[in-house]
Amino acid sequence: MKKTTLLHAELSRMIARLGHGDTLVIADAGLPVPEGTPCIDLAVTRGVPSFPQVLAAVLSEMQVERIIVARELRARSPGMHEHIAAAFPGVTAEEISHAELKALTRQARAVVRTGEFTPYANVVLVAGVVF
């Protein structure tokens, strides 16, 4: 049995396959996933699992060099915006429109769907390197 925090086999395998610059999206329950983009669907019910829970688990295994969020997040869900910012001290954060963020999901290695119902609770994680 694994000793690290992240136990979900498919998600752990996806993170292990990421290379420098690859992207992984952690998404709320409503973000559309484009045809052809893999979706690791963790959503069980409203709020389960939460965005913060999934983000914490992913960050236990993934090196992130940069993040991208929708600028609408700051105005519509300031608490979630603060949570995301706090999870990435010293990491460059880019804000783009929600429409642009949805377009980026087409290039992601995968979208991880949570049970989060907070508006605009989505983040694009850009993989870094550990050396």
Protein backbone atom coordinates (compact mmCIF):
# COMPACT_ATOMS: atom_id res chain seq x y z
CA MET A 1 0.00 0.00 0.00
CA LYS A 2 1.21 3.53 -0.78
CA LYS A 3 2.58 5.61 2.07
CA THR A 4 1.97 9.03 0.48
CA THR A 5 -1.21 11.07 0.89
CA LEU A 6 -2.63 10.49 -2.59
CA LEU A 7 -4.24 7.05 -2.82
CA HIS A 8 -6.29 7.44 -6.03
CA ALA A 9 -4.40 5.23 -8.50
CA GLU A 10 -5.48 6.95 -11.71
CA LEU A 11 -4.70 10.42 -10.38
CA SER A 12 -1.36 9.35 -8.93
CA ARG A 13 -0.44 7.70 -12.24
CA MET A 14 -1.36 10.86 -14.17
CA ILE A 15 0.83 13.03 -11.94
CA ALA A 16 3.72 10.57 -12.33
CA ARG A 17 3.43 10.91 -16.12
CA LEU A 18 3.58 14.73 -16.15
CA GLY A 19 6.62 16.40 -17.67
CA HIS A 20 7.89 19.93 -17.27
CA GLY A 21 5.28 22.36 -18.59
CA ASP A 22 2.44 19.84 -18.79
CA THR A 23 -0.84 21.00 -17.27
CA LEU A 24 -3.34 19.41 -14.94
CA VAL A 25 -6.66 21.12 -14.15
CA ILE A 26 -8.36 20.84 -10.78
CA ALA A 27 -11.99 21.74 -11.46
CA ASP A 28 -15.27 22.42 -9.75
CA ALA A 29 -18.24 20.19 -10.51
CA GLY A 30 -19.48 22.37 -13.35
CA LEU A 31 -16.43 22.97 -15.55
CA PRO A 32 -17.03 21.38 -18.96
CA VAL A 33 -14.41 18.86 -20.04
CA PRO A 34 -13.68 18.94 -23.77
CA GLU A 35 -14.13 15.81 -25.83
CA GLY A 36 -10.78 14.03 -25.92
CA THR A 37 -9.40 15.49 -22.67
CA PRO A 38 -9.19 12.80 -20.00
CA CYS A 39 -11.40 13.43 -16.97
CA ILE A 40 -10.56 11.96 -13.59
CA ASP A 41 -13.98 12.34 -12.02
CA LEU A 42 -13.81 12.30 -8.23
CA ALA A 43 -17.17 14.02 -7.65
CA VAL A 44 -19.53 12.03 -5.44
CA THR A 45 -22.05 14.62 -4.32
CA ARG A 46 -22.23 18.37 -3.74
CA GLY A 47 -19.03 19.34 -1.92
CA VAL A 48 -17.57 15.83 -1.83
CA PRO A 49 -14.68 15.86 -2.31
CA SER A 50 -14.05 19.56 -1.92
CA PHE A 51 -11.69 21.53 -4.12
CA PRO A 52 -9.31 22.24 -1.19
CA GLN A 53 -9.14 18.54 -0.28
CA VAL A 54 -8.28 17.47 -3.81
CA LEU A 55 -5.80 20.31 -4.29
CA ALA A 56 -3.97 19.36 -1.08
CA ALA A 57 -3.76 15.72 -2.15
CA VAL A 58 -2.48 16.61 -5.62
CA LEU A 59 0.12 18.99 -4.20
CA SER A 60 1.46 16.19 -2.00
CA GLU A 61 2.82 14.61 -5.20
CA MET A 62 3.02 17.31 -7.88
CA GLN A 63 5.69 19.98 -8.33
CA VAL A 64 3.97 23.15 -9.60
CA GLU A 65 5.90 26.03 -11.14
CA ARG A 66 2.97 28.21 -12.17
CA ILE A 67 -0.81 28.38 -11.82
CA ILE A 68 -3.58 29.89 -13.90
CA VAL A 69 -6.99 30.91 -12.55
CA ALA A 70 -9.96 32.78 -13.96
CA ARG A 71 -9.99 36.45 -13.02
CA GLU A 72 -13.68 36.03 -12.18
CA LEU A 73 -12.63 33.90 -9.19
CA ARG A 74 -11.31 36.91 -7.25
CA ALA A 75 -14.64 38.81 -7.48
CA ARG A 76 -17.13 35.93 -7.30
CA SER A 77 -15.42 33.63 -4.79
CA PRO A 78 -12.85 35.65 -2.83
CA GLY A 79 -12.48 33.02 -0.11
CA MET A 80 -11.55 30.35 -2.64
CA HIS A 81 -9.22 32.81 -4.38
CA GLU A 82 -7.43 33.38 -1.07
CA HIS A 83 -7.24 29.63 -0.40
CA ILE A 84 -5.66 28.97 -3.79
CA ALA A 85 -3.18 31.85 -3.40
CA ALA A 86 -2.17 30.59 0.05
CA ALA A 87 -1.54 27.09 -1.31
CA PHE A 88 1.10 28.45 -3.71
CA PRO A 89 3.48 30.77 -1.85
CA GLY A 90 6.20 31.99 -4.20
CA VAL A 91 4.51 30.49 -7.26
CA THR A 92 3.62 32.75 -10.19
CA ALA A 93 -0.16 33.08 -10.61
CA GLU A 94 -1.70 34.22 -13.87
CA GLU A 95 -5.29 35.44 -14.16
CA ILE A 96 -7.14 35.03 -17.45
CA SER A 97 -10.81 35.09 -18.42
CA HIS A 98 -12.95 32.08 -17.57
CA ALA A 99 -13.48 31.53 -21.31
CA GLU A 100 -9.71 31.41 -21.84
CA LEU A 101 -9.32 28.99 -18.94
CA LYS A 102 -11.96 26.68 -20.43
CA ALA A 103 -10.04 26.77 -23.74
CA LEU A 104 -6.83 25.75 -21.93
CA THR A 105 -8.51 22.55 -20.73
CA ARG A 106 -8.25 21.23 -24.29
CA GLN A 107 -4.45 21.09 -23.88
CA ALA A 108 -4.42 19.66 -20.35
CA ARG A 109 -3.15 16.16 -19.69
CA ALA A 110 -6.32 15.73 -17.61
CA VAL A 111 -9.11 17.53 -15.80
CA VAL A 112 -9.74 16.41 -12.23
CA ARG A 113 -13.40 17.01 -11.37
CA THR A 114 -14.22 17.62 -7.71
CA GLY A 115 -17.58 17.95 -5.99
CA GLU A 116 -16.96 21.68 -5.46
CA PHE A 117 -19.93 23.99 -6.02
CA THR A 118 -18.05 27.29 -5.56
CA PRO A 119 -18.20 29.45 -8.71
CA TYR A 120 -14.97 29.57 -10.73
CA ALA A 121 -13.14 27.16 -8.40
CA ASN A 122 -10.78 25.92 -11.10
CA VAL A 123 -7.00 26.06 -11.37
CA VAL A 124 -4.60 25.07 -14.11
CA LEU A 125 -1.44 23.62 -12.57
CA VAL A 126 1.69 23.87 -14.70
CA ALA A 127 4.15 21.13 -13.81
CA GLY A 128 7.60 22.10 -12.66
CA VAL A 129 10.67 20.01 -12.02
CA VAL A 130 12.15 18.97 -8.69
CA PHE A 131 15.76 19.58 -9.70
